[in-house]
């Protein structure tokens, strides 16, 4: 069981870093585009954490169903 927790944390950390890079790039592009209008966009870390810790549950269900069910 500890094996699944370790995999879960690895997937969660990887997902967070992946989503963080994407959102950082999107926020930068939006700020460049809307800077003339005075609009400023910010990053939402709450949604990043939520998605990071929900996605591994989805992936682990697929892995468990594909390899460990009899």
PDB file of N, CA and C in Angstrom:
ATOM      1  N   UNK A   1       0.829  -1.203   0.000  1.00  0.00           N
ATOM      2  CA  UNK A   1       0.000   0.000   0.000  1.00  0.00           C
ATOM      3  C   UNK A   1       0.872   1.265   0.000  1.00  0.00           C
ATOM      4  N   UNK A   2       1.971   1.210   0.716  1.00  0.00           N
ATOM      5  CA  UNK A   2       2.873   2.375   0.741  1.00  0.00           C
ATOM      6  C   UNK A   2       3.410   2.672  -0.652  1.00  0.00           C
ATOM      7  N   UNK A   3       3.526   1.628  -1.463  1.00  0.00           N
ATOM      8  CA  UNK A   3       3.976   1.776  -2.845  1.00  0.00           C
ATOM      9  C   UNK A   3       3.045   2.709  -3.620  1.00  0.00           C
ATOM     10  N   UNK A   4       1.726   2.550  -3.416  1.00  0.00           N
ATOM     11  CA  UNK A   4       0.762   3.401  -4.107  1.00  0.00           C
ATOM     12  C   UNK A   4       0.824   4.841  -3.609  1.00  0.00           C
ATOM     13  N   UNK A   5       1.090   5.033  -2.320  1.00  0.00           N
ATOM     14  CA  UNK A   5       1.226   6.397  -1.801  1.00  0.00           C
ATOM     15  C   UNK A   5       2.432   7.101  -2.410  1.00  0.00           C
ATOM     16  N   UNK A   6       3.525   6.367  -2.564  1.00  0.00           N
ATOM     17  CA  UNK A   6       4.725   6.954  -3.170  1.00  0.00           C
ATOM     18  C   UNK A   6       4.457   7.322  -4.623  1.00  0.00           C
ATOM     19  N   UNK A   7       3.825   6.419  -5.367  1.00  0.00           N
ATOM     20  CA  UNK A   7       3.475   6.715  -6.763  1.00  0.00           C
ATOM     21  C   UNK A   7       2.520   7.904  -6.827  1.00  0.00           C
ATOM     22  N   UNK A   8       1.544   7.931  -5.906  1.00  0.00           N
ATOM     23  CA  UNK A   8       0.577   9.027  -5.856  1.00  0.00           C
ATOM     24  C   UNK A   8       1.291  10.365  -5.678  1.00  0.00           C
ATOM     25  N   UNK A   9       2.226  10.436  -4.736  1.00  0.00           N
ATOM     26  CA  UNK A   9       2.941  11.692  -4.502  1.00  0.00           C
ATOM     27  C   UNK A   9       3.808  12.086  -5.686  1.00  0.00           C
ATOM     28  N   UNK A  10       4.447  11.115  -6.317  1.00  0.00           N
ATOM     29  CA  UNK A  10       5.265  11.422  -7.497  1.00  0.00           C
ATOM     30  C   UNK A  10       4.394  11.995  -8.610  1.00  0.00           C
ATOM     31  N   UNK A  11       3.248  11.355  -8.865  1.00  0.00           N
ATOM     32  CA  UNK A  11       2.341  11.850  -9.913  1.00  0.00           C
ATOM     33  C   UNK A  11       1.801  13.228  -9.541  1.00  0.00           C
ATOM     34  N   UNK A  12       1.463  13.434  -8.264  1.00  0.00           N
ATOM     35  CA  UNK A  12       0.923  14.726  -7.830  1.00  0.00           C
ATOM     36  C   UNK A  12       1.946  15.842  -8.000  1.00  0.00           C
ATOM     37  N   UNK A  13       3.183  15.580  -7.627  1.00  0.00           N
ATOM     38  CA  UNK A  13       4.228  16.606  -7.763  1.00  0.00           C
ATOM     39  C   UNK A  13       4.506  16.902  -9.231  1.00  0.00           C
ATOM     40  N   UNK A  14       4.573  15.854 -10.046  1.00  0.00           N
ATOM     41  CA  UNK A  14       4.801  16.057 -11.476  1.00  0.00           C
ATOM     42  C   UNK A  14       3.642  16.836 -12.099  1.00  0.00           C
ATOM     43  N   UNK A  15       2.406  16.479 -11.738  1.00  0.00           N
ATOM     44  CA  UNK A  15       1.234  17.174 -12.274  1.00  0.00           C
ATOM     45  C   UNK A  15       1.246  18.640 -11.875  1.00  0.00           C
ATOM     46  N   UNK A  16       1.594  18.918 -10.613  1.00  0.00           N
ATOM     47  CA  UNK A  16       1.635  20.303 -10.157  1.00  0.00           C
ATOM     48  C   UNK A  16       2.659  21.109 -10.947  1.00  0.00           C
ATOM     49  N   UNK A  17       3.852  20.544 -11.143  1.00  0.00           N
ATOM     50  CA  UNK A  17       4.878  21.293 -11.876  1.00  0.00           C
ATOM     51  C   UNK A  17       4.475  21.506 -13.332  1.00  0.00           C
ATOM     52  N   UNK A  18       3.837  20.493 -13.924  1.00  0.00           N
ATOM     53  CA  UNK A  18       3.378  20.605 -15.314  1.00  0.00           C
ATOM     54  C   UNK A  18       2.301  21.680 -15.446  1.00  0.00           C
ATOM     55  N   UNK A  19       1.288  21.635 -14.579  1.00  0.00           N
ATOM     56  CA  UNK A  19       0.213  22.625 -14.633  1.00  0.00           C
ATOM     57  C   UNK A  19       0.730  24.021 -14.286  1.00  0.00           C
ATOM     58  N   UNK A  20       1.696  24.101 -13.364  1.00  0.00           N
ATOM     59  CA  UNK A  20       2.276  25.390 -12.990  1.00  0.00           C
ATOM     60  C   UNK A  20       2.967  26.041 -14.180  1.00  0.00           C
ATOM     61  N   UNK A  21       3.747  25.251 -14.923  1.00  0.00           N
ATOM     62  CA  UNK A  21       4.435  25.802 -16.103  1.00  0.00           C
ATOM     63  C   UNK A  21       3.435  26.284 -17.146  1.00  0.00           C
ATOM     64  N   UNK A  22       2.391  25.494 -17.398  1.00  0.00           N
ATOM     65  CA  UNK A  22       1.384  25.879 -18.392  1.00  0.00           C
ATOM     66  C   UNK A  22       0.676  27.156 -17.963  1.00  0.00           C
ATOM     67  N   UNK A  23       0.231  27.203 -16.697  1.00  0.00           N
ATOM     68  CA  UNK A  23      -0.516  28.369 -16.244  1.00  0.00           C
ATOM     69  C   UNK A  23       0.377  29.603 -16.192  1.00  0.00           C
ATOM     70  N   UNK A  24       1.635  29.444 -15.818  1.00  0.00           N
ATOM     71  CA  UNK A  24       2.554  30.588 -15.787  1.00  0.00           C
ATOM     72  C   UNK A  24       2.730  31.172 -17.182  1.00  0.00           C
ATOM     73  N   UNK A  25       2.866  30.289 -18.186  1.00  0.00           N
ATOM     74  CA  UNK A  25       3.010  30.749 -19.569  1.00  0.00           C
ATOM     75  C   UNK A  25       1.733  31.448 -20.037  1.00  0.00           C
ATOM     76  N   UNK A  26       0.565  30.866 -19.701  1.00  0.00           N
ATOM     77  CA  UNK A  26      -0.706  31.468 -20.107  1.00  0.00           C
ATOM     78  C   UNK A  26      -0.915  32.828 -19.460  1.00  0.00           C
ATOM     79  N   UNK A  27      -0.592  32.936 -18.162  1.00  0.00           N
ATOM     80  CA  UNK A  27      -0.747  34.215 -17.466  1.00  0.00           C
ATOM     81  C   UNK A  27       0.184  35.262 -18.063  1.00  0.00           C
ATOM     82  N   UNK A  28       1.418  34.870 -18.386  1.00  0.00           N
ATOM     83  CA  UNK A  28       2.368  35.807 -18.991  1.00  0.00           C
ATOM     84  C   UNK A  28       1.851  36.299 -20.339  1.00  0.00           C
ATOM     85  N   UNK A  29       1.338  35.366 -21.168  1.00  0.00           N
ATOM     86  CA  UNK A  29       0.818  35.765 -22.484  1.00  0.00           C
ATOM     87  C   UNK A  29      -0.400  36.664 -22.354  1.00  0.00           C
ATOM     88  N   UNK A  30      -1.298  36.350 -21.405  1.00  0.00           N
ATOM     89  CA  UNK A  30      -2.478  37.193 -21.209  1.00  0.00           C
ATOM     90  C   UNK A  30      -2.085  38.581 -20.724  1.00  0.00           C
ATOM     91  N   UNK A  31      -1.120  38.658 -19.827  1.00  0.00           N
ATOM     92  CA  UNK A  31      -0.682  39.970 -19.335  1.00  0.00           C
ATOM     93  C   UNK A  31      -0.042  40.795 -20.440  1.00  0.00           C
ATOM     94  N   UNK A  32       0.714  40.148 -21.333  1.00  0.00           N
ATOM     95  CA  UNK A  32       1.296  40.881 -22.462  1.00  0.00           C
ATOM     96  C   UNK A  32       0.201  41.389 -23.397  1.00  0.00           C
ATOM     97  N   UNK A  33      -0.820  40.551 -23.597  1.00  0.00           N
ATOM     98  CA  UNK A  33      -1.874  40.913 -24.537  1.00  0.00           C
ATOM     99  C   UNK A  33      -2.776  42.017 -23.994  1.00  0.00           C
ATOM    100  N   UNK A  34      -3.099  41.949 -22.688  1.00  0.00           N
ATOM    101  CA  UNK A  34      -4.057  42.889 -22.110  1.00  0.00           C
ATOM    102  C   UNK A  34      -3.392  44.028 -21.339  1.00  0.00           C
ATOM    103  N   UNK A  35      -2.069  44.159 -21.412  1.00  0.00           N
ATOM    104  CA  UNK A  35      -1.392  45.209 -20.644  1.00  0.00           C
ATOM    105  C   UNK A  35      -1.788  46.601 -21.123  1.00  0.00           C
ATOM    106  N   UNK A  36      -2.133  46.718 -22.393  1.00  0.00           N
ATOM    107  CA  UNK A  36      -2.528  48.034 -22.920  1.00  0.00           C
ATOM    108  C   UNK A  36      -3.844  48.507 -22.318  1.00  0.00           C
ATOM    109  N   UNK A  37      -4.720  47.547 -21.944  1.00  0.00           N
ATOM    110  CA  UNK A  37      -6.020  47.909 -21.368  1.00  0.00           C
ATOM    111  C   UNK A  37      -5.952  48.091 -19.854  1.00  0.00           C
ATOM    112  N   UNK A  38      -4.826  47.767 -19.258  1.00  0.00           N
ATOM    113  CA  UNK A  38      -4.691  47.910 -17.810  1.00  0.00           C
ATOM    114  C   UNK A  38      -5.202  46.717 -17.030  1.00  0.00           C
ATOM    115  N   UNK A  39      -5.506  45.614 -17.702  1.00  0.00           N
ATOM    116  CA  UNK A  39      -5.984  44.414 -17.025  1.00  0.00           C
ATOM    117  C   UNK A  39      -4.790  43.561 -16.616  1.00  0.00           C
ATOM    118  N   UNK A  40      -4.835  43.034 -15.381  1.00  0.00           N
ATOM    119  CA  UNK A  40      -3.732  42.190 -14.894  1.00  0.00           C
ATOM    120  C   UNK A  40      -4.290  40.847 -14.440  1.00  0.00           C
ATOM    121  N   UNK A  41      -3.678  39.771 -14.908  1.00  0.00           N
ATOM    122  CA  UNK A  41      -4.089  38.420 -14.536  1.00  0.00           C
ATOM    123  C   UNK A  41      -3.117  37.854 -13.510  1.00  0.00           C
ATOM    124  N   UNK A  42      -3.637  37.031 -12.609  1.00  0.00           N
ATOM    125  CA  UNK A  42      -2.821  36.422 -11.558  1.00  0.00           C
ATOM    126  C   UNK A  42      -2.974  34.909 -11.611  1.00  0.00           C
ATOM    127  N   UNK A  43      -2.018  34.216 -11.010  1.00  0.00           N
ATOM    128  CA  UNK A  43      -2.087  32.761 -10.954  1.00  0.00           C
ATOM    129  C   UNK A  43      -2.963  32.344  -9.783  1.00  0.00           C
ATOM    130  N   UNK A  44      -3.696  31.246  -9.976  1.00  0.00           N
ATOM    131  CA  UNK A  44      -4.541  30.697  -8.919  1.00  0.00           C
ATOM    132  C   UNK A  44      -3.918  29.393  -8.441  1.00  0.00           C
ATOM    133  N   UNK A  45      -3.265  29.463  -7.284  1.00  0.00           N
ATOM    134  CA  UNK A  45      -2.562  28.286  -6.779  1.00  0.00           C
ATOM    135  C   UNK A  45      -3.525  27.247  -6.208  1.00  0.00           C
ATOM    136  N   UNK A  46      -4.692  27.689  -5.736  1.00  0.00           N
ATOM    137  CA  UNK A  46      -5.658  26.746  -5.166  1.00  0.00           C
ATOM    138  C   UNK A  46      -6.108  25.716  -6.176  1.00  0.00           C
ATOM    139  N   UNK A  47      -6.406  26.160  -7.385  1.00  0.00           N
ATOM    140  CA  UNK A  47      -6.848  25.221  -8.419  1.00  0.00           C
ATOM    141  C   UNK A  47      -5.710  24.294  -8.832  1.00  0.00           C
ATOM    142  N   UNK A  48      -4.464  24.801  -8.813  1.00  0.00           N
ATOM    143  CA  UNK A  48      -3.322  23.946  -9.147  1.00  0.00           C
ATOM    144  C   UNK A  48      -3.161  22.831  -8.124  1.00  0.00           C
ATOM    145  N   UNK A  49      -3.271  23.165  -6.834  1.00  0.00           N
ATOM    146  CA  UNK A  49      -3.147  22.137  -5.803  1.00  0.00           C
ATOM    147  C   UNK A  49      -4.285  21.134  -5.898  1.00  0.00           C
ATOM    148  N   UNK A  50      -5.496  21.631  -6.116  1.00  0.00           N
ATOM    149  CA  UNK A  50      -6.647  20.728  -6.194  1.00  0.00           C
ATOM    150  C   UNK A  50      -6.496  19.756  -7.349  1.00  0.00           C
ATOM    151  N   UNK A  51      -6.162  20.265  -8.521  1.00  0.00           N
ATOM    152  CA  UNK A  51      -5.999  19.386  -9.678  1.00  0.00           C
ATOM    153  C   UNK A  51      -4.824  18.438  -9.494  1.00  0.00           C
ATOM    154  N   UNK A  52      -3.759  18.915  -8.865  1.00  0.00           N
ATOM    155  CA  UNK A  52      -2.573  18.077  -8.689  1.00  0.00           C
ATOM    156  C   UNK A  52      -2.860  16.870  -7.814  1.00  0.00           C
ATOM    157  N   UNK A  53      -3.744  17.034  -6.835  1.00  0.00           N
ATOM    158  CA  UNK A  53      -4.003  15.918  -5.933  1.00  0.00           C
ATOM    159  C   UNK A  53      -5.246  15.122  -6.316  1.00  0.00           C
ATOM    160  N   UNK A  54      -5.986  15.560  -7.323  1.00  0.00           N
ATOM    161  CA  UNK A  54      -7.107  14.753  -7.819  1.00  0.00           C
ATOM    162  C   UNK A  54      -6.712  13.898  -9.008  1.00  0.00           C
ATOM    163  N   UNK A  55      -5.831  14.378  -9.863  1.00  0.00           N
ATOM    164  CA  UNK A  55      -5.429  13.612 -11.050  1.00  0.00           C
ATOM    165  C   UNK A  55      -4.777  12.278 -10.722  1.00  0.00           C
ATOM    166  N   UNK A  56      -3.887  12.199  -9.707  1.00  0.00           N
ATOM    167  CA  UNK A  56      -3.285  10.890  -9.425  1.00  0.00           C
ATOM    168  C   UNK A  56      -4.307   9.825  -9.048  1.00  0.00           C
ATOM    169  N   UNK A  57      -5.408  10.226  -8.415  1.00  0.00           N
ATOM    170  CA  UNK A  57      -6.450   9.248  -8.090  1.00  0.00           C
ATOM    171  C   UNK A  57      -6.992   8.644  -9.376  1.00  0.00           C
ATOM    172  N   UNK A  58      -7.226   9.480 -10.359  1.00  0.00           N
ATOM    173  CA  UNK A  58      -7.716   9.010 -11.658  1.00  0.00           C
ATOM    174  C   UNK A  58      -6.711   8.074 -12.315  1.00  0.00           C
ATOM    175  N   UNK A  59      -5.428   8.460 -12.339  1.00  0.00           N
ATOM    176  CA  UNK A  59      -4.405   7.633 -12.984  1.00  0.00           C
ATOM    177  C   UNK A  59      -4.170   6.332 -12.231  1.00  0.00           C
ATOM    178  N   UNK A  60      -4.173   6.388 -10.908  1.00  0.00           N
ATOM    179  CA  UNK A  60      -3.961   5.158 -10.136  1.00  0.00           C
ATOM    180  C   UNK A  60      -5.122   4.187 -10.310  1.00  0.00           C
ATOM    181  N   UNK A  61      -6.327   4.699 -10.482  1.00  0.00           N
ATOM    182  CA  UNK A  61      -7.462   3.806 -10.766  1.00  0.00           C
ATOM    183  C   UNK A  61      -7.259   3.084 -12.089  1.00  0.00           C
ATOM    184  N   UNK A  62      -6.759   3.797 -13.090  1.00  0.00           N
ATOM    185  CA  UNK A  62      -6.501   3.170 -14.394  1.00  0.00           C
ATOM    186  C   UNK A  62      -5.395   2.124 -14.271  1.00  0.00           C
ATOM    187  N   UNK A  63      -4.293   2.481 -13.587  1.00  0.00           N
ATOM    188  CA  UNK A  63      -3.179   1.541 -13.427  1.00  0.00           C
ATOM    189  C   UNK A  63      -3.625   0.311 -12.649  1.00  0.00           C
ATOM    190  N   UNK A  64      -4.356   0.531 -11.565  1.00  0.00           N
ATOM    191  CA  UNK A  64      -4.811  -0.589 -10.743  1.00  0.00           C
ATOM    192  C   UNK A  64      -5.758  -1.487 -11.530  1.00  0.00           C
ATOM    193  N   UNK A  65      -6.675  -0.868 -12.264  1.00  0.00           N
ATOM    194  CA  UNK A  65      -7.631  -1.648 -13.047  1.00  0.00           C
ATOM    195  C   UNK A  65      -6.978  -2.416 -14.180  1.00  0.00           C
ATOM    196  N   UNK A  66      -5.939  -1.839 -14.759  1.00  0.00           N
ATOM    197  CA  UNK A  66      -5.304  -2.486 -15.909  1.00  0.00           C
ATOM    198  C   UNK A  66      -4.375  -3.624 -15.503  1.00  0.00           C
ATOM    199  N   UNK A  67      -3.683  -3.488 -14.381  1.00  0.00           N
ATOM    200  CA  UNK A  67      -2.624  -4.449 -14.064  1.00  0.00           C
ATOM    201  C   UNK A  67      -2.892  -5.337 -12.854  1.00  0.00           C
ATOM    202  N   UNK A  68      -3.691  -4.859 -11.897  1.00  0.00           N
ATOM    203  CA  UNK A  68      -3.768  -5.587 -10.635  1.00  0.00           C
ATOM    204  C   UNK A  68      -5.113  -6.249 -10.367  1.00  0.00           C
ATOM    205  N   UNK A  69      -6.098  -6.028 -11.197  1.00  0.00           N
ATOM    206  CA  UNK A  69      -7.384  -6.706 -10.995  1.00  0.00           C
ATOM    207  C   UNK A  69      -7.328  -8.094 -11.590  1.00  0.00           C
ATOM    208  N   UNK A  70      -7.996  -8.999 -10.930  1.00  0.00           N
ATOM    209  CA  UNK A  70      -7.975 -10.385 -11.422  1.00  0.00           C
ATOM    210  C   UNK A  70      -9.343 -10.798 -11.912  1.00  0.00           C
TER     211      UNK A  70
END
